[in-house]
């Protein structure tokens, strides 16, 4: 039996966010939005009372979230930062003060004013191209929903009351929801909405619970008590399966668990090909709290530390000390392994409360990343000071993002030189030999790679953005997302060009896009000659296994064949047959 065989049954397909298979009863969670039935004007003499009603609702929700945070299960306690971000939303001026002003200026009820504030914030997030950051609008919506329920007096079902083993089915789950879960009773999650970077995905990964999101219609199709099969490896959900499907997936589950255990037992071995080529395997992380998983999965360092979260959770811009403490701690926890810290990679549109920056028609091509930092040197200097100060506490490297040409790189290095001069003047220690690299993620940087290589210590290829810019594909646009292909021959040639330029100047090349964690892409990346691959931590054991089993000579031969192919489909099909032939268990277990 295969997944194709169950397609005739009631089967749904979504986005897998944590691998594994569970079979159990559905527990349908009603998280329908509170409908604002009463939108009314408030008499001027009652406006203060309406403001107080809103502020009292904020206090109630803040107290509830504080209690939830204090009562979080030990296994998810490291994810308390998610609730911290919700508590900060409650106090944010775009949220709190804007609602109060709307009540007072428009003389309307608190529910109506809160809805208007949400719409203003949603318009800001719509301008943000980064998938992870734009997904954070769901956090604002969850906080809004909680306040609306408090204002309306409508109680919400508590997930802490679940008293049996179930699979949660919901339109979406808020961070507050996930902290209420009785971990021993929840087998898995499925939701209508969400993506690989949504909070539900983050929690599922932390709990190591199979989960599928983005199913669109699960809450319409699934009834409470239905029997479900959730395949978190492939994103398939089977509703009320027959006996043959149950037997098939039970066998697949046992095989997957045995296979995963066998891989995990070897995850701390180095990734060395049979003919002796060593590849460094590292992890991409968003938060300090992910370091434990990197260690557990055998990561040999942090290939990419995205530093945007501290800016998003702060009201305004974080102080140097807050940044320093975060960078210092991650450097110490990973020492002596390297930590590659990427400087701020976000557009100015997120900071509308601090800076007067015109909203852009196309933020992906606008004032973001290094361009924003060069435009706001004091903000940039604060982060550079924090990174440099942390560099004496471990093996820290720095990466400048979105470098399009030599002048941007020289300007960034000039500002860093100014920061070093200031630190010297203040007798503050830093690693004078700290390595500096750039993200190669814009086609112009590929063209100029030979020149850029003379001015840096390493390259880090960011394939997520490089594919988008190279192929002119908006990866979140459902009409063209299928064209977003890591197997495109143009991309493979570009990576090869970057590696060749680096070799000529004697510098290393890392690759830190999603491509690094794709089993099908490993032969390409080995053949191209990458020094290091950086990926989601949970992908590390499998990628290490594939590297240890693939001779470099064979990877080079495969690359020669691939370079003769002219379509992404042809490349993907070749790799599917080649990798599937070498590792038939990967195809059987849904990894390919």
Protein backbone atom coordinates (compact mmCIF):
# COMPACT_ATOMS: atom_id res chain seq x y z
CA UNK A 1 0.00 0.00 0.00
CA UNK A 2 1.14 3.59 -0.58
CA UNK A 3 0.01 7.18 -0.02
CA UNK A 4 -1.47 7.03 -3.52
CA UNK A 5 -3.68 4.17 -2.41
CA UNK A 6 -5.22 6.20 0.37
CA UNK A 7 -5.86 9.15 -1.90
CA UNK A 8 -9.28 7.70 -2.68
CA UNK A 9 -10.24 7.97 0.96
CA UNK A 10 -10.80 11.27 2.71
CA UNK A 11 -7.19 12.44 2.69
CA UNK A 12 -5.85 15.97 3.20
CA UNK A 13 -2.45 17.35 2.24
CA UNK A 14 -0.71 20.13 4.14
CA UNK A 15 2.71 21.36 5.21
CA UNK A 16 4.69 18.90 7.36
CA UNK A 17 6.43 20.66 10.28
CA UNK A 18 7.58 17.75 12.42
CA UNK A 19 8.12 14.21 11.09
CA UNK A 20 6.48 11.16 12.57
CA UNK A 21 3.19 9.27 12.35
CA UNK A 22 0.35 9.21 14.88
CA UNK A 23 -3.02 7.45 14.78
CA UNK A 24 -5.72 8.64 17.14
CA UNK A 25 -9.03 10.37 17.77
CA UNK A 26 -9.59 13.98 16.70
CA UNK A 27 -10.26 16.65 19.30
CA UNK A 28 -11.80 19.58 17.45
CA UNK A 29 -10.91 22.88 19.07
CA UNK A 30 -13.22 25.81 18.44
CA UNK A 31 -11.10 28.89 17.94
CA UNK A 32 -13.59 30.77 15.82
CA UNK A 33 -13.21 34.49 15.99
CA UNK A 34 -15.34 36.56 18.32
CA UNK A 35 -17.88 38.44 16.22
CA UNK A 36 -18.28 42.09 17.13
CA UNK A 37 -22.05 42.29 17.14
CA UNK A 38 -22.20 45.74 18.65
CA UNK A 39 -20.32 48.62 17.05
CA UNK A 40 -21.62 51.76 18.66
CA UNK A 41 -20.79 55.33 19.48
CA UNK A 42 -19.99 56.20 23.09
CA UNK A 43 -21.30 59.34 24.78
CA UNK A 44 -18.45 61.76 25.58
CA UNK A 45 -19.14 61.51 29.31
CA UNK A 46 -18.65 57.71 29.13
CA UNK A 47 -15.38 57.71 27.17
CA UNK A 48 -13.18 57.45 30.27
CA UNK A 49 -15.18 54.44 31.37
CA UNK A 50 -14.76 52.80 27.95
CA UNK A 51 -11.01 53.38 28.09
CA UNK A 52 -10.94 51.86 31.59
CA UNK A 53 -12.93 48.84 30.33
CA UNK A 54 -10.29 48.28 27.65
CA UNK A 55 -7.40 48.72 30.09
CA UNK A 56 -9.03 46.31 32.54
CA UNK A 57 -9.26 43.72 29.75
CA UNK A 58 -5.54 44.23 29.09
CA UNK A 59 -4.77 43.66 32.77
CA UNK A 60 -6.86 40.48 32.85
CA UNK A 61 -5.17 39.06 29.76
CA UNK A 62 -1.71 40.04 31.04
CA UNK A 63 -2.42 38.23 34.31
CA UNK A 64 -3.69 35.15 32.44
CA UNK A 65 -0.56 35.02 30.26
CA UNK A 66 1.69 35.47 33.27
CA UNK A 67 -0.01 32.51 34.94
CA UNK A 68 0.31 30.42 31.78
CA UNK A 69 4.02 31.24 31.52
CA UNK A 70 4.64 30.28 35.16
CA UNK A 71 2.77 27.03 34.68
CA UNK A 72 4.44 25.95 31.45
CA UNK A 73 5.59 22.36 31.34
CA UNK A 74 9.31 21.91 31.73
CA UNK A 75 9.74 20.60 28.19
CA UNK A 76 8.35 23.80 26.66
CA UNK A 77 9.66 26.23 29.26
CA UNK A 78 12.44 27.26 26.87
CA UNK A 79 9.70 28.56 24.56
CA UNK A 80 8.45 31.09 27.09
CA UNK A 81 9.83 33.77 24.76
CA UNK A 82 6.69 33.27 22.64
CA UNK A 83 4.48 34.34 25.54
CA UNK A 84 6.96 37.11 26.31
CA UNK A 85 6.34 38.48 22.84
CA UNK A 86 2.58 38.40 23.47
CA UNK A 87 3.02 40.27 26.73
CA UNK A 88 5.04 42.87 24.86
CA UNK A 89 2.30 43.25 22.23
CA UNK A 90 -0.10 44.14 25.04
CA UNK A 91 2.14 47.09 25.94
CA UNK A 92 3.13 48.16 22.43
CA UNK A 93 2.14 51.70 21.49
CA UNK A 94 0.78 50.64 18.06
CA UNK A 95 -1.53 48.28 19.90
CA UNK A 96 -2.47 49.80 23.26
CA UNK A 97 -2.13 53.56 22.75
CA UNK A 98 -3.60 53.45 19.25
CA UNK A 99 -6.73 51.72 20.55
CA UNK A 100 -7.17 54.20 23.37
CA UNK A 101 -6.76 57.15 20.98
CA UNK A 102 -9.32 55.61 18.61
CA UNK A 103 -11.82 55.23 21.47
CA UNK A 104 -11.30 58.86 22.46
CA UNK A 105 -11.06 60.45 19.00
CA UNK A 106 -13.79 58.47 17.24
CA UNK A 107 -15.94 57.97 20.37
CA UNK A 108 -16.49 54.28 19.67
CA UNK A 109 -16.62 51.16 21.84
CA UNK A 110 -13.42 49.33 22.82
CA UNK A 111 -14.09 46.22 20.68
CA UNK A 112 -14.55 48.31 17.55
CA UNK A 113 -11.47 50.43 18.30
CA UNK A 114 -9.35 47.32 18.92
CA UNK A 115 -10.40 45.85 15.58
CA UNK A 116 -9.35 49.08 13.85
CA UNK A 117 -5.94 48.97 15.54
CA UNK A 118 -5.46 45.39 14.34
CA UNK A 119 -6.18 46.44 10.76
CA UNK A 120 -3.56 49.21 10.96
CA UNK A 121 -0.95 46.75 12.25
CA UNK A 122 -1.90 44.17 9.62
CA UNK A 123 -1.20 46.74 6.87
CA UNK A 124 2.30 47.23 8.29
CA UNK A 125 3.01 43.49 8.30
CA UNK A 126 1.68 43.18 4.73
CA UNK A 127 4.66 45.28 3.65
CA UNK A 128 7.20 42.82 5.08
CA UNK A 129 8.65 40.32 2.63
CA UNK A 130 10.39 38.06 5.15
CA UNK A 131 8.23 34.94 5.67
CA UNK A 132 9.17 34.42 9.32
CA UNK A 133 8.50 38.03 10.29
CA UNK A 134 5.30 38.40 8.28
CA UNK A 135 3.95 35.27 10.01
CA UNK A 136 4.20 37.10 13.33
CA UNK A 137 0.97 38.99 12.52
CA UNK A 138 -0.72 35.83 13.84
CA UNK A 139 0.71 36.67 17.28
CA UNK A 140 -0.98 40.09 17.19
CA UNK A 141 -4.24 38.45 16.05
CA UNK A 142 -4.09 35.92 18.89
CA UNK A 143 -3.61 38.65 21.49
CA UNK A 144 -6.46 40.66 19.95
CA UNK A 145 -8.76 37.64 20.04
CA UNK A 146 -7.99 37.02 23.70
CA UNK A 147 -8.79 40.62 24.61
CA UNK A 148 -12.00 40.56 22.56
CA UNK A 149 -13.14 37.45 24.40
CA UNK A 150 -12.44 39.15 27.72
CA UNK A 151 -14.33 42.28 26.67
CA UNK A 152 -17.30 40.23 25.45
CA UNK A 153 -17.32 37.85 28.42
CA UNK A 154 -17.13 34.79 26.15
CA UNK A 155 -15.06 32.07 27.79
CA UNK A 156 -12.68 30.03 25.63
CA UNK A 157 -12.29 26.28 25.97
CA UNK A 158 -9.13 25.47 27.92
CA UNK A 159 -6.90 22.83 26.38
CA UNK A 160 -5.58 21.96 29.84
CA UNK A 161 -8.88 20.11 30.46
CA UNK A 162 -8.22 17.46 27.79
CA UNK A 163 -8.31 14.13 29.65
CA UNK A 164 -7.53 11.58 26.91
CA UNK A 165 -4.97 10.92 24.19
CA UNK A 166 -6.04 12.96 21.15
CA UNK A 167 -4.91 14.72 18.01
CA UNK A 168 -5.70 18.44 18.17
CA UNK A 169 -7.61 19.81 15.17
CA UNK A 170 -7.93 23.58 14.99
CA UNK A 171 -8.07 26.47 12.60
CA UNK A 172 -5.00 27.77 14.41
CA UNK A 173 -3.42 27.45 17.84
CA UNK A 174 -2.09 30.42 19.74
CA UNK A 175 1.07 30.25 21.89
CA UNK A 176 -1.20 30.53 24.92
CA UNK A 177 -3.10 27.46 23.66
CA UNK A 178 0.04 25.41 23.27
CA UNK A 179 1.30 26.27 26.75
CA UNK A 180 -1.97 24.91 28.20
CA UNK A 181 -1.56 21.53 26.57
CA UNK A 182 -1.18 18.43 28.68
CA UNK A 183 1.82 17.02 26.86
CA UNK A 184 1.02 13.46 27.87
CA UNK A 185 -2.42 13.69 26.24
CA UNK A 186 -1.62 15.37 22.91
CA UNK A 187 -0.37 13.03 20.18
CA UNK A 188 -0.16 15.60 17.39
CA UNK A 189 -1.51 18.82 15.87
CA UNK A 190 -3.22 19.64 12.60
CA UNK A 191 -4.34 23.17 11.68
CA UNK A 192 -6.00 24.92 8.76
CA UNK A 193 -3.42 27.70 8.67
CA UNK A 194 0.27 28.17 9.43
CA UNK A 195 3.65 27.49 7.90
CA UNK A 196 7.02 26.06 8.79
CA UNK A 197 7.86 29.17 10.86
CA UNK A 198 4.52 29.58 12.66
CA UNK A 199 4.40 29.32 16.44
CA UNK A 200 2.49 26.02 16.20
CA UNK A 201 5.36 24.60 14.16
CA UNK A 202 7.93 25.89 16.65
CA UNK A 203 6.13 24.27 19.58
CA UNK A 204 5.56 21.00 17.69
CA UNK A 205 9.28 20.82 16.98
CA UNK A 206 10.15 21.58 20.60
CA UNK A 207 7.77 18.89 21.86
CA UNK A 208 8.79 16.53 19.02
CA UNK A 209 5.12 15.91 18.23
CA UNK A 210 4.06 15.12 14.63
CA UNK A 211 2.25 18.08 13.14
CA UNK A 212 0.79 19.21 9.82
CA UNK A 213 -0.29 22.81 9.20
CA UNK A 214 -1.74 24.76 6.27
CA UNK A 215 -4.43 22.14 5.59
CA UNK A 216 -6.96 24.91 4.77
CA UNK A 217 -10.14 22.88 5.40
CA UNK A 218 -9.33 20.41 8.20
CA UNK A 219 -11.87 21.92 10.62
CA UNK A 220 -14.57 21.65 7.94
CA UNK A 221 -13.77 18.04 7.02
CA UNK A 222 -12.91 16.54 10.44
CA UNK A 223 -15.54 15.97 13.12
CA UNK A 224 -14.80 15.62 16.81
CA UNK A 225 -13.98 11.98 17.55
CA UNK A 226 -13.02 11.04 13.98
CA UNK A 227 -10.13 8.62 13.67
CA UNK A 228 -7.11 10.31 12.09
CA UNK A 229 -3.76 9.29 10.72
CA UNK A 230 -1.29 12.18 10.74
CA UNK A 231 1.92 11.70 8.74
CA UNK A 232 4.19 14.56 9.79
CA UNK A 233 6.84 13.44 7.31
CA UNK A 234 4.76 13.90 4.17
CA UNK A 235 1.99 16.26 5.34
CA UNK A 236 -0.75 13.67 4.68
CA UNK A 237 -3.77 13.43 7.01
CA UNK A 238 -6.18 10.53 6.50
CA UNK A 239 -9.68 10.90 7.97
CA UNK A 240 -11.50 7.77 9.17
CA UNK A 241 -9.09 5.36 7.43
CA UNK A 242 -10.00 1.77 6.64
CA UNK A 243 -8.19 -1.21 8.19
CA UNK A 244 -5.65 -1.53 5.38
CA UNK A 245 -4.60 2.13 5.76
CA UNK A 246 -4.25 1.73 9.51
CA UNK A 247 -2.08 -1.37 9.15
CA UNK A 248 0.06 0.32 6.48
CA UNK A 249 0.71 3.41 8.61
CA UNK A 250 1.32 1.41 11.79
CA UNK A 251 4.05 -0.50 9.98
CA UNK A 252 5.42 2.71 8.48
CA UNK A 253 5.47 4.33 11.93
CA UNK A 254 7.52 1.50 13.45
CA UNK A 255 9.94 1.55 10.53
CA UNK A 256 10.30 5.34 10.74
CA UNK A 257 10.94 5.26 14.49
CA UNK A 258 13.56 2.51 14.13
CA UNK A 259 15.23 4.36 11.28
CA UNK A 260 15.25 7.68 13.13
CA UNK A 261 16.73 6.04 16.22
CA UNK A 262 19.49 4.41 14.19
CA UNK A 263 20.35 7.76 12.57
CA UNK A 264 20.27 9.61 15.89
CA UNK A 265 22.73 7.16 17.44
CA UNK A 266 25.31 8.28 14.90
CA UNK A 267 24.45 11.99 14.79
CA UNK A 268 27.54 13.03 16.78
CA UNK A 269 29.92 11.38 14.32
CA UNK A 270 31.62 13.77 11.89
CA UNK A 271 30.28 14.05 8.35
CA UNK A 272 33.15 12.49 6.40
CA UNK A 273 32.61 10.93 2.97
CA UNK A 274 33.87 7.35 2.39
CA UNK A 275 36.81 8.81 0.43
CA UNK A 276 37.81 11.13 3.27
CA UNK A 277 36.24 14.54 2.52
CA UNK A 278 35.07 16.31 5.73
CA UNK A 279 31.95 18.51 5.54
CA UNK A 280 30.98 20.68 8.51
CA UNK A 281 27.27 20.36 9.38
CA UNK A 282 25.79 23.26 11.33
CA UNK A 283 22.38 24.65 12.27
CA UNK A 284 20.33 27.73 11.46
CA UNK A 285 18.57 29.18 14.50
CA UNK A 286 16.24 32.05 15.34
CA UNK A 287 16.46 31.95 19.14
CA UNK A 288 18.97 31.31 21.88
CA UNK A 289 16.69 28.59 23.21
CA UNK A 290 17.37 26.41 20.15
CA UNK A 291 21.02 25.79 21.09
CA UNK A 292 20.13 22.69 23.14
CA UNK A 293 18.54 21.07 20.07
CA UNK A 294 21.62 21.89 17.97
CA UNK A 295 23.81 20.07 20.50
CA UNK A 296 21.41 17.13 20.78
CA UNK A 297 21.26 16.61 17.02
CA UNK A 298 25.05 16.74 16.57
CA UNK A 299 25.39 20.24 15.12
CA UNK A 300 28.97 21.41 14.71
CA UNK A 301 28.20 25.06 15.23
CA UNK A 302 25.65 27.72 14.35
CA UNK A 303 25.91 28.40 10.63
CA UNK A 304 23.37 31.22 10.75
CA UNK A 305 22.03 33.06 13.78
CA UNK A 306 19.21 35.31 12.61
CA UNK A 307 19.21 38.27 15.00
CA UNK A 308 15.87 39.87 14.14
CA UNK A 309 13.82 38.49 17.04
CA UNK A 310 15.39 40.74 19.68
CA UNK A 311 14.43 43.74 17.57
CA UNK A 312 10.89 42.51 17.00
CA UNK A 313 10.17 41.80 20.65
CA UNK A 314 11.62 45.10 21.92
CA UNK A 315 9.58 48.26 22.13
CA UNK A 316 11.75 50.35 19.88
CA UNK A 317 15.32 49.17 19.43
CA UNK A 318 17.08 46.85 21.91
CA UNK A 319 19.89 48.31 23.98
CA UNK A 320 23.48 47.23 23.44
CA UNK A 321 23.55 45.31 26.74
CA UNK A 322 20.50 43.23 25.81
CA UNK A 323 22.09 42.31 22.48
CA UNK A 324 25.47 41.62 24.07
CA UNK A 325 24.05 39.30 26.73
CA UNK A 326 22.21 37.29 24.08
CA UNK A 327 25.25 36.98 21.80
CA UNK A 328 27.59 36.26 24.71
CA UNK A 329 25.40 33.46 26.02
CA UNK A 330 25.06 31.74 22.66
CA UNK A 331 28.83 32.02 22.07
CA UNK A 332 29.55 30.45 25.46
CA UNK A 333 26.99 27.68 25.03
CA UNK A 334 28.39 26.66 21.62
CA UNK A 335 32.11 27.14 22.39
CA UNK A 336 34.45 26.03 20.95
CA UNK A 337 32.19 25.54 17.92
CA UNK A 338 31.62 28.60 15.71
CA UNK A 339 28.61 30.89 15.87
CA UNK A 340 27.93 32.87 12.68
CA UNK A 341 25.92 35.95 13.65
CA UNK A 342 24.12 37.69 10.80
CA UNK A 343 23.58 41.40 11.30
CA UNK A 344 20.08 42.80 11.20
CA UNK A 345 18.18 41.62 8.11
CA UNK A 346 14.86 43.39 8.18
CA UNK A 347 13.34 46.36 6.42
CA UNK A 348 12.75 49.75 7.97
CA UNK A 349 9.02 49.31 7.47
CA UNK A 350 8.83 47.28 10.69
CA UNK A 351 10.02 50.25 12.73
CA UNK A 352 7.38 52.74 11.64
CA UNK A 353 6.87 53.85 15.23
CA UNK A 354 10.53 54.90 15.44
CA UNK A 355 11.44 56.07 11.95
CA UNK A 356 9.64 57.99 9.28
CA UNK A 357 10.25 55.69 6.32
CA UNK A 358 7.94 55.62 3.34
CA UNK A 359 6.13 52.34 2.80
CA UNK A 360 7.58 50.54 -0.19
CA UNK A 361 5.82 48.95 -3.12
CA UNK A 362 8.30 46.06 -3.09
CA UNK A 363 10.10 45.63 0.27
CA UNK A 364 12.16 42.71 -1.08
CA UNK A 365 13.94 45.17 -3.36
CA UNK A 366 13.91 48.11 -0.99
CA UNK A 367 15.44 49.44 2.19
CA UNK A 368 16.24 46.27 4.10
CA UNK A 369 19.19 44.39 5.63
CA UNK A 370 22.58 46.04 5.01
CA UNK A 371 20.89 48.94 3.18
CA UNK A 372 18.83 49.77 6.24
CA UNK A 373 21.86 49.46 8.53
CA UNK A 374 23.98 51.76 6.36
CA UNK A 375 21.12 54.26 6.32
CA UNK A 376 20.88 54.11 10.13
CA UNK A 377 24.53 53.80 11.27
CA UNK A 378 23.83 54.35 14.99
CA UNK A 379 21.50 51.33 15.06
CA UNK A 380 24.11 49.36 13.12
CA UNK A 381 26.94 50.42 15.45
CA UNK A 382 24.99 49.28 18.51
CA UNK A 383 24.66 45.78 17.11
CA UNK A 384 28.27 45.65 15.91
CA UNK A 385 29.52 46.71 19.37
CA UNK A 386 27.47 43.90 20.95
CA UNK A 387 28.78 41.29 18.49
CA UNK A 388 32.39 42.41 18.85
CA UNK A 389 32.15 42.40 22.66
CA UNK A 390 30.69 38.88 22.57
CA UNK A 391 33.48 37.67 20.30
CA UNK A 392 35.87 37.15 23.24
CA UNK A 393 33.43 34.69 24.84
CA UNK A 394 33.56 32.05 22.12
CA UNK A 395 34.17 31.47 18.42
CA UNK A 396 32.10 34.27 16.89
CA UNK A 397 31.98 35.14 13.19
CA UNK A 398 30.02 38.01 11.64
CA UNK A 399 27.98 37.97 8.43
CA UNK A 400 26.73 41.04 6.51
CA UNK A 401 23.46 40.23 4.68
CA UNK A 402 22.19 41.30 1.25
CA UNK A 403 25.52 42.58 -0.07
CA UNK A 404 24.97 43.49 -3.73
CA UNK A 405 28.42 44.87 -4.53
CA UNK A 406 31.82 45.92 -3.24
CA UNK A 407 30.88 49.44 -2.13
CA UNK A 408 28.25 48.20 0.34
CA UNK A 409 30.78 45.79 1.81
CA UNK A 410 33.45 48.49 2.12
CA UNK A 411 30.96 50.87 3.75
CA UNK A 412 29.91 48.20 6.26
CA UNK A 413 33.52 47.35 7.09
CA UNK A 414 34.30 51.05 7.52
CA UNK A 415 31.55 51.38 10.13
CA UNK A 416 32.85 48.29 11.89
CA UNK A 417 36.35 49.84 11.92
CA UNK A 418 34.86 52.90 13.62
CA UNK A 419 33.25 50.67 16.24
CA UNK A 420 36.57 48.91 16.88
CA UNK A 421 38.25 52.29 17.37
CA UNK A 422 35.61 53.24 19.93
CA UNK A 423 36.06 49.94 21.77
CA UNK A 424 39.83 50.42 21.82
CA UNK A 425 39.37 53.90 23.23
CA UNK A 426 37.13 52.55 25.98
CA UNK A 427 39.51 49.63 26.66
CA UNK A 428 36.75 47.10 25.91
CA UNK A 429 38.14 43.74 24.70
CA UNK A 430 37.10 42.05 21.48
CA UNK A 431 38.54 39.44 19.13
CA UNK A 432 40.70 41.44 16.76
CA UNK A 433 40.84 38.43 14.41
CA UNK A 434 37.09 37.82 14.31
CA UNK A 435 36.22 36.56 10.85
CA UNK A 436 33.88 38.56 8.66
CA UNK A 437 31.82 37.14 5.81
CA UNK A 438 28.90 38.08 3.60
CA UNK A 439 25.65 36.46 2.59
CA UNK A 440 25.75 35.73 -1.13
CA UNK A 441 22.05 35.96 -1.94
CA UNK A 442 21.80 38.51 -4.76
CA UNK A 443 22.80 37.64 -8.34
CA UNK A 444 25.05 40.73 -8.59
CA UNK A 445 27.10 39.38 -5.66
CA UNK A 446 27.58 36.14 -7.60
CA UNK A 447 28.81 38.05 -10.62
CA UNK A 448 31.22 40.02 -8.41
CA UNK A 449 32.18 37.06 -6.20
CA UNK A 450 35.81 37.02 -7.32
CA UNK A 451 36.20 40.67 -6.26
CA UNK A 452 34.21 40.33 -3.04
CA UNK A 453 36.24 37.26 -2.01
CA UNK A 454 39.33 39.46 -1.66
CA UNK A 455 37.68 41.46 1.13
CA UNK A 456 36.12 38.75 3.35
CA UNK A 457 37.10 35.63 5.26
CA UNK A 458 34.25 33.46 3.99
CA UNK A 459 31.08 33.33 1.91
CA UNK A 460 27.71 32.13 3.17
CA UNK A 461 25.32 31.34 0.33
CA UNK A 462 21.70 32.08 1.23
CA UNK A 463 19.75 30.05 -1.29
CA UNK A 464 16.32 31.05 0.02
CA UNK A 465 16.72 34.62 -1.24
CA UNK A 466 19.09 33.78 -4.08
CA UNK A 467 16.46 31.54 -5.71
CA UNK A 468 13.84 34.26 -5.30
CA UNK A 469 15.99 36.99 -6.85
CA UNK A 470 17.51 34.77 -9.53
CA UNK A 471 14.22 33.36 -10.83
CA UNK A 472 12.05 36.42 -10.03
CA UNK A 473 9.79 34.19 -7.92
CA UNK A 474 7.85 35.40 -4.91
CA UNK A 475 7.97 32.23 -2.81
CA UNK A 476 4.86 33.18 -0.82
CA UNK A 477 2.75 33.85 -3.93
CA UNK A 478 0.57 30.78 -4.43
CA UNK A 479 0.39 31.37 -8.21
CA UNK A 480 4.15 31.06 -8.81
CA UNK A 481 5.46 29.31 -5.67
CA UNK A 482 5.72 26.00 -7.57
CA UNK A 483 8.44 27.63 -9.70
CA UNK A 484 10.60 28.24 -6.62
CA UNK A 485 13.05 25.43 -7.35
CA UNK A 486 16.40 24.60 -5.71
CA UNK A 487 17.02 22.24 -8.65
CA UNK A 488 17.04 24.98 -11.29
CA UNK A 489 20.16 24.64 -13.48
CA UNK A 490 20.78 28.41 -13.26
CA UNK A 491 21.02 28.21 -9.46
CA UNK A 492 23.40 25.23 -9.58
CA UNK A 493 25.66 27.12 -11.95
CA UNK A 494 25.59 30.20 -9.74
CA UNK A 495 26.60 28.22 -6.65
CA UNK A 496 29.42 26.68 -8.66
CA UNK A 497 30.58 30.16 -9.69
CA UNK A 498 30.67 31.33 -6.08
CA UNK A 499 32.63 28.27 -4.95
CA UNK A 500 35.16 28.73 -7.77
CA UNK A 501 35.69 32.40 -6.85
CA UNK A 502 36.17 31.47 -3.19
CA UNK A 503 38.69 28.76 -4.05
CA UNK A 504 40.74 31.21 -6.13
CA UNK A 505 41.09 33.46 -3.07
CA UNK A 506 41.49 30.66 -0.53
CA UNK A 507 38.33 31.33 1.51
CA UNK A 508 35.61 28.94 2.76
CA UNK A 509 32.07 28.67 1.43
CA UNK A 510 29.07 27.74 3.58
CA UNK A 511 25.50 27.21 2.38
CA UNK A 512 22.70 28.02 4.81
CA UNK A 513 19.43 27.94 2.88
CA UNK A 514 16.68 25.30 3.10
CA UNK A 515 18.50 23.54 0.26
CA UNK A 516 21.19 22.44 2.76
CA UNK A 517 18.72 20.24 4.66
CA UNK A 518 17.13 18.62 1.59
CA UNK A 519 18.37 15.02 1.17
CA UNK A 520 17.96 15.26 -2.62
CA UNK A 521 20.31 18.25 -2.79
CA UNK A 522 23.23 16.65 -0.91
CA UNK A 523 24.89 15.12 -4.03
CA UNK A 524 24.79 18.50 -5.79
CA UNK A 525 26.26 20.36 -2.83
CA UNK A 526 28.99 17.78 -2.28
CA UNK A 527 29.90 17.81 -5.95
CA UNK A 528 30.04 21.62 -6.00
CA UNK A 529 32.59 21.57 -3.17
CA UNK A 530 30.86 23.37 -0.28
CA UNK A 531 32.86 23.42 2.94
CA UNK A 532 29.87 23.56 5.30
CA UNK A 533 26.10 23.10 5.22
CA UNK A 534 23.78 24.75 7.73
CA UNK A 535 20.16 23.72 8.22
CA UNK A 536 17.30 23.23 10.65
CA UNK A 537 18.74 21.28 13.59
CA UNK A 538 16.43 18.28 13.21
CA UNK A 539 17.72 17.70 9.65
CA UNK A 540 21.33 17.26 10.83
CA UNK A 541 21.38 13.50 11.63
CA UNK A 542 19.96 12.50 8.24
CA UNK A 543 22.19 14.85 6.22
CA UNK A 544 25.25 13.60 8.11
CA UNK A 545 24.29 10.02 7.29
CA UNK A 546 23.94 10.80 3.59
CA UNK A 547 27.33 12.58 3.53
CA UNK A 548 29.02 9.64 5.29
CA UNK A 549 27.61 7.25 2.67
CA UNK A 550 28.25 9.28 -0.50
CA UNK A 551 31.77 9.17 -1.97
CA UNK A 552 32.97 12.57 -3.13
CA UNK A 553 34.09 11.03 -6.41
CA UNK A 554 30.55 9.84 -7.05
CA UNK A 555 29.09 13.25 -6.17
CA UNK A 556 31.44 14.87 -8.71
CA UNK A 557 30.38 12.37 -11.37
CA UNK A 558 26.73 13.08 -10.56
CA UNK A 559 27.37 16.81 -10.87
CA UNK A 560 28.81 16.32 -14.36
CA UNK A 561 25.60 14.54 -15.36
CA UNK A 562 23.44 17.22 -13.71
CA UNK A 563 25.28 20.04 -15.49
CA UNK A 564 24.15 18.48 -18.76
CA UNK A 565 20.48 18.75 -17.75
CA UNK A 566 18.58 21.91 -18.63
CA UNK A 567 15.38 21.91 -16.56
CA UNK A 568 14.65 21.79 -12.85
CA UNK A 569 12.34 18.82 -13.39
CA UNK A 570 15.09 16.83 -15.12
CA UNK A 571 17.56 17.59 -12.32
CA UNK A 572 15.06 16.65 -9.62
CA UNK A 573 14.11 13.41 -11.37
CA UNK A 574 17.78 12.44 -11.80
CA UNK A 575 18.47 13.06 -8.11
CA UNK A 576 15.31 11.24 -7.04
CA UNK A 577 16.36 8.13 -8.94
CA UNK A 578 20.03 8.41 -7.89
CA UNK A 579 19.40 9.09 -4.21
CA UNK A 580 16.44 6.72 -4.07
CA UNK A 581 18.67 4.01 -5.50
CA UNK A 582 21.40 4.58 -2.94
CA UNK A 583 19.00 5.08 -0.03
CA UNK A 584 15.77 3.19 -0.79
CA UNK A 585 14.75 3.57 2.85
CA UNK A 586 14.50 7.36 2.38
CA UNK A 587 11.88 6.89 -0.33
CA UNK A 588 10.03 4.30 1.73
CA UNK A 589 9.91 6.54 4.80
CA UNK A 590 8.80 9.71 3.05
CA UNK A 591 12.07 11.66 3.22
CA UNK A 592 12.24 11.99 -0.59
